[in-house]
Amino acid sequence: MEIEHYDDGKKGHFKAIEGETQAGLMTYVWAGEDKFIIEHTVGNPEFRGVGMKLLEKAVAFAREKNVKIIPLCPFAKKMFDRNQDIHDVLA
């Protein structure tokens, strides 16, 4: 599975692709220069665990850019609540 990242400086997304099929999508918007808001995550039910793979990519991006994440999306919020290991990027 490949995860593509798009960012135009105002908003962006992480898209999971398997072959020709979109497995999942996580969208975000920037909230200033030092944090972004995960707005929505959707996963194709045929690809179990794709939401976590998208979140892992978002966390890696936040760490690389030294920015924080505001998880407004219910899925992302739930994963941040469950996983202390990613709290370093939690706004």
N, C-alpha and C. Protein backbone atom coordinates (compact mmCIF):
# COMPACT_ATOMS: atom_id res chain seq x y z
N MET A 1 0.84 -1.18 0.00
CA MET A 1 0.00 0.00 0.00
C MET A 1 0.88 1.24 0.00
N GLU A 2 0.53 2.17 -0.84
CA GLU A 2 1.26 3.43 -0.94
C GLU A 2 0.42 4.55 -0.33
N ILE A 3 1.08 5.45 0.40
CA ILE A 3 0.37 6.59 0.96
C ILE A 3 0.93 7.85 0.34
N GLU A 4 0.06 8.56 -0.39
CA GLU A 4 0.44 9.80 -1.04
C GLU A 4 0.12 10.96 -0.12
N HIS A 5 0.93 12.01 -0.18
CA HIS A 5 0.70 13.19 0.63
C HIS A 5 0.59 14.40 -0.28
N TYR A 6 -0.43 15.21 -0.06
CA TYR A 6 -0.63 16.45 -0.80
C TYR A 6 -0.79 17.58 0.20
N ASP A 7 -0.14 18.70 -0.04
CA ASP A 7 -0.25 19.87 0.84
C ASP A 7 -0.08 21.12 -0.01
N ASP A 8 -1.06 22.04 0.05
CA ASP A 8 -0.95 23.27 -0.73
C ASP A 8 -0.63 24.49 0.13
N GLY A 9 -0.28 24.23 1.41
CA GLY A 9 0.05 25.32 2.32
C GLY A 9 -1.13 25.79 3.15
N LYS A 10 -2.35 25.44 2.73
CA LYS A 10 -3.56 25.79 3.48
C LYS A 10 -4.29 24.55 3.96
N LYS A 11 -4.25 23.52 3.15
CA LYS A 11 -4.90 22.25 3.48
C LYS A 11 -4.15 21.12 2.79
N GLY A 12 -4.50 19.91 3.15
CA GLY A 12 -3.83 18.77 2.54
C GLY A 12 -4.54 17.47 2.86
N HIS A 13 -3.94 16.39 2.40
CA HIS A 13 -4.50 15.07 2.70
C HIS A 13 -3.42 14.00 2.55
N PHE A 14 -3.72 12.89 3.18
CA PHE A 14 -2.94 11.67 3.03
C PHE A 14 -3.90 10.67 2.39
N LYS A 15 -3.49 10.08 1.27
CA LYS A 15 -4.36 9.15 0.55
C LYS A 15 -3.66 7.81 0.44
N ALA A 16 -4.34 6.76 0.87
CA ALA A 16 -3.81 5.39 0.78
C ALA A 16 -4.33 4.76 -0.51
N ILE A 17 -3.39 4.24 -1.31
CA ILE A 17 -3.72 3.63 -2.59
C ILE A 17 -3.18 2.20 -2.62
N GLU A 18 -4.02 1.29 -3.05
CA GLU A 18 -3.60 -0.10 -3.25
C GLU A 18 -3.96 -0.46 -4.68
N GLY A 19 -2.93 -0.53 -5.53
CA GLY A 19 -3.19 -0.76 -6.96
C GLY A 19 -3.92 0.44 -7.53
N GLU A 20 -5.11 0.19 -8.04
CA GLU A 20 -5.94 1.26 -8.61
C GLU A 20 -7.02 1.71 -7.63
N THR A 21 -7.04 1.15 -6.42
CA THR A 21 -8.12 1.40 -5.47
C THR A 21 -7.69 2.37 -4.37
N GLN A 22 -8.56 3.33 -4.09
CA GLN A 22 -8.29 4.22 -2.95
C GLN A 22 -8.72 3.49 -1.69
N ALA A 23 -7.76 3.24 -0.80
CA ALA A 23 -8.03 2.48 0.42
C ALA A 23 -8.48 3.39 1.56
N GLY A 24 -8.06 4.67 1.54
CA GLY A 24 -8.45 5.59 2.60
C GLY A 24 -7.97 6.99 2.33
N LEU A 25 -8.54 7.94 3.08
CA LEU A 25 -8.20 9.35 2.92
C LEU A 25 -8.31 10.04 4.27
N MET A 26 -7.30 10.84 4.61
CA MET A 26 -7.31 11.66 5.82
C MET A 26 -7.06 13.09 5.38
N THR A 27 -7.99 14.00 5.70
CA THR A 27 -7.86 15.40 5.29
C THR A 27 -7.50 16.27 6.48
N TYR A 28 -6.79 17.36 6.19
CA TYR A 28 -6.42 18.31 7.25
C TYR A 28 -6.37 19.72 6.70
N VAL A 29 -6.44 20.68 7.62
CA VAL A 29 -6.26 22.10 7.30
C VAL A 29 -5.23 22.66 8.26
N TRP A 30 -4.44 23.62 7.78
CA TRP A 30 -3.45 24.27 8.63
C TRP A 30 -4.12 25.26 9.56
N ALA A 31 -3.66 25.31 10.79
CA ALA A 31 -4.14 26.27 11.79
C ALA A 31 -2.92 27.09 12.21
N GLY A 32 -2.54 28.03 11.36
CA GLY A 32 -1.31 28.76 11.58
C GLY A 32 -0.15 28.00 10.97
N GLU A 33 1.07 28.36 11.35
CA GLU A 33 2.25 27.73 10.76
C GLU A 33 2.76 26.54 11.57
N ASP A 34 2.25 26.38 12.80
CA ASP A 34 2.84 25.36 13.67
C ASP A 34 1.90 24.23 14.05
N LYS A 35 0.70 24.18 13.45
CA LYS A 35 -0.20 23.06 13.73
C LYS A 35 -1.21 22.88 12.60
N PHE A 36 -1.70 21.65 12.51
CA PHE A 36 -2.76 21.37 11.55
C PHE A 36 -3.86 20.55 12.22
N ILE A 37 -5.06 20.68 11.65
CA ILE A 37 -6.25 20.04 12.19
C ILE A 37 -6.64 18.87 11.29
N ILE A 38 -6.64 17.67 11.86
CA ILE A 38 -7.16 16.53 11.11
C ILE A 38 -8.67 16.63 11.16
N GLU A 39 -9.29 16.82 9.99
CA GLU A 39 -10.73 17.04 9.91
C GLU A 39 -11.54 15.77 9.72
N HIS A 40 -11.02 14.88 8.88
CA HIS A 40 -11.85 13.76 8.47
C HIS A 40 -10.97 12.58 8.06
N THR A 41 -11.39 11.40 8.42
CA THR A 41 -10.72 10.17 7.98
C THR A 41 -11.79 9.22 7.48
N VAL A 42 -11.55 8.67 6.30
CA VAL A 42 -12.46 7.67 5.76
C VAL A 42 -11.62 6.51 5.24
N GLY A 43 -12.08 5.31 5.55
CA GLY A 43 -11.35 4.12 5.10
C GLY A 43 -12.27 3.18 4.35
N ASN A 44 -11.75 2.60 3.30
CA ASN A 44 -12.47 1.57 2.56
C ASN A 44 -12.52 0.32 3.44
N PRO A 45 -13.72 -0.20 3.71
CA PRO A 45 -13.83 -1.36 4.62
C PRO A 45 -13.05 -2.59 4.15
N GLU A 46 -12.68 -2.65 2.88
CA GLU A 46 -11.90 -3.78 2.39
C GLU A 46 -10.45 -3.73 2.88
N PHE A 47 -10.02 -2.58 3.42
CA PHE A 47 -8.64 -2.40 3.84
C PHE A 47 -8.59 -2.11 5.33
N ARG A 48 -8.67 -3.15 6.11
CA ARG A 48 -8.65 -3.02 7.56
C ARG A 48 -7.34 -2.41 8.04
N GLY A 49 -7.43 -1.45 8.96
CA GLY A 49 -6.25 -0.84 9.53
C GLY A 49 -5.71 0.34 8.74
N VAL A 50 -6.37 0.70 7.66
CA VAL A 50 -5.86 1.79 6.82
C VAL A 50 -5.89 3.13 7.56
N GLY A 51 -6.86 3.35 8.43
CA GLY A 51 -6.93 4.59 9.19
C GLY A 51 -5.69 4.80 10.04
N MET A 52 -5.21 3.73 10.69
CA MET A 52 -4.00 3.83 11.51
C MET A 52 -2.78 4.12 10.65
N LYS A 53 -2.72 3.53 9.45
CA LYS A 53 -1.58 3.80 8.57
C LYS A 53 -1.57 5.26 8.14
N LEU A 54 -2.75 5.82 7.89
CA LEU A 54 -2.84 7.24 7.53
C LEU A 54 -2.42 8.12 8.71
N LEU A 55 -2.88 7.75 9.90
CA LEU A 55 -2.52 8.53 11.09
C LEU A 55 -1.01 8.45 11.35
N GLU A 56 -0.43 7.28 11.17
CA GLU A 56 1.02 7.14 11.35
C GLU A 56 1.77 8.06 10.40
N LYS A 57 1.29 8.18 9.18
CA LYS A 57 1.92 9.06 8.19
C LYS A 57 1.77 10.52 8.61
N ALA A 58 0.58 10.89 9.13
CA ALA A 58 0.35 12.26 9.59
C ALA A 58 1.27 12.59 10.77
N VAL A 59 1.43 11.66 11.69
CA VAL A 59 2.29 11.86 12.85
C VAL A 59 3.75 11.99 12.40
N ALA A 60 4.18 11.16 11.47
CA ALA A 60 5.55 11.25 10.95
C ALA A 60 5.77 12.60 10.28
N PHE A 61 4.79 13.07 9.54
CA PHE A 61 4.88 14.39 8.89
C PHE A 61 5.00 15.49 9.94
N ALA A 62 4.17 15.42 10.99
CA ALA A 62 4.20 16.43 12.05
C ALA A 62 5.57 16.44 12.74
N ARG A 63 6.12 15.27 13.00
CA ARG A 63 7.44 15.18 13.64
C ARG A 63 8.52 15.76 12.72
N GLU A 64 8.44 15.43 11.45
CA GLU A 64 9.44 15.91 10.48
C GLU A 64 9.42 17.43 10.38
N LYS A 65 8.22 18.02 10.40
CA LYS A 65 8.06 19.47 10.26
C LYS A 65 8.07 20.20 11.59
N ASN A 66 8.15 19.43 12.70
CA ASN A 66 8.13 20.01 14.04
C ASN A 66 6.88 20.86 14.28
N VAL A 67 5.73 20.26 13.95
CA VAL A 67 4.44 20.92 14.16
C VAL A 67 3.55 20.00 15.00
N LYS A 68 2.42 20.54 15.43
CA LYS A 68 1.48 19.80 16.28
C LYS A 68 0.20 19.47 15.50
N ILE A 69 -0.55 18.52 16.02
CA ILE A 69 -1.80 18.07 15.41
C ILE A 69 -2.96 18.33 16.36
N ILE A 70 -4.05 18.87 15.82
CA ILE A 70 -5.31 19.00 16.54
C ILE A 70 -6.25 17.96 15.92
N PRO A 71 -6.59 16.90 16.64
CA PRO A 71 -7.41 15.83 16.07
C PRO A 71 -8.92 16.08 16.26
N LEU A 72 -9.53 16.81 15.35
CA LEU A 72 -10.98 17.03 15.42
C LEU A 72 -11.77 15.84 14.89
N CYS A 73 -11.19 15.12 13.97
CA CYS A 73 -11.83 13.92 13.42
C CYS A 73 -12.04 12.91 14.55
N PRO A 74 -13.24 12.34 14.69
CA PRO A 74 -13.49 11.38 15.78
C PRO A 74 -12.51 10.19 15.79
N PHE A 75 -12.16 9.68 14.62
CA PHE A 75 -11.22 8.56 14.56
C PHE A 75 -9.85 8.99 15.10
N ALA A 76 -9.33 10.11 14.60
CA ALA A 76 -8.00 10.57 15.03
C ALA A 76 -8.02 10.88 16.53
N LYS A 77 -9.09 11.50 17.02
CA LYS A 77 -9.19 11.82 18.45
C LYS A 77 -9.13 10.54 19.27
N LYS A 78 -9.88 9.53 18.85
CA LYS A 78 -9.90 8.26 19.58
C LYS A 78 -8.52 7.61 19.59
N MET A 79 -7.81 7.66 18.47
CA MET A 79 -6.48 7.06 18.40
C MET A 79 -5.48 7.83 19.27
N PHE A 80 -5.58 9.17 19.32
CA PHE A 80 -4.71 9.94 20.20
C PHE A 80 -5.02 9.63 21.66
N ASP A 81 -6.30 9.46 21.99
CA ASP A 81 -6.67 9.13 23.37
C ASP A 81 -6.11 7.78 23.79
N ARG A 82 -6.02 6.84 22.86
CA ARG A 82 -5.57 5.48 23.16
C ARG A 82 -4.06 5.30 23.16
N ASN A 83 -3.35 6.16 22.44
CA ASN A 83 -1.94 5.92 22.19
C ASN A 83 -1.06 7.05 22.72
N GLN A 84 -0.46 6.84 23.86
CA GLN A 84 0.42 7.84 24.48
C GLN A 84 1.68 8.11 23.65
N ASP A 85 2.08 7.16 22.83
CA ASP A 85 3.31 7.29 22.05
C ASP A 85 3.28 8.41 21.02
N ILE A 86 2.09 8.91 20.70
CA ILE A 86 2.01 9.97 19.69
C ILE A 86 1.64 11.33 20.31
N HIS A 87 1.60 11.39 21.62
CA HIS A 87 1.23 12.64 22.29
C HIS A 87 2.26 13.75 22.11
N ASP A 88 3.46 13.41 21.64
CA ASP A 88 4.46 14.44 21.41
C ASP A 88 4.05 15.41 20.30
N VAL A 89 3.12 15.01 19.43
CA VAL A 89 2.67 15.89 18.36
C VAL A 89 1.25 16.42 18.61
N LEU A 90 0.70 16.09 19.76
CA LEU A 90 -0.67 16.55 20.10
C LEU A 90 -0.63 17.99 20.54
N ALA A 91 -1.49 18.82 19.93
CA ALA A 91 -1.56 20.25 20.27
C ALA A 91 -2.34 20.43 21.56
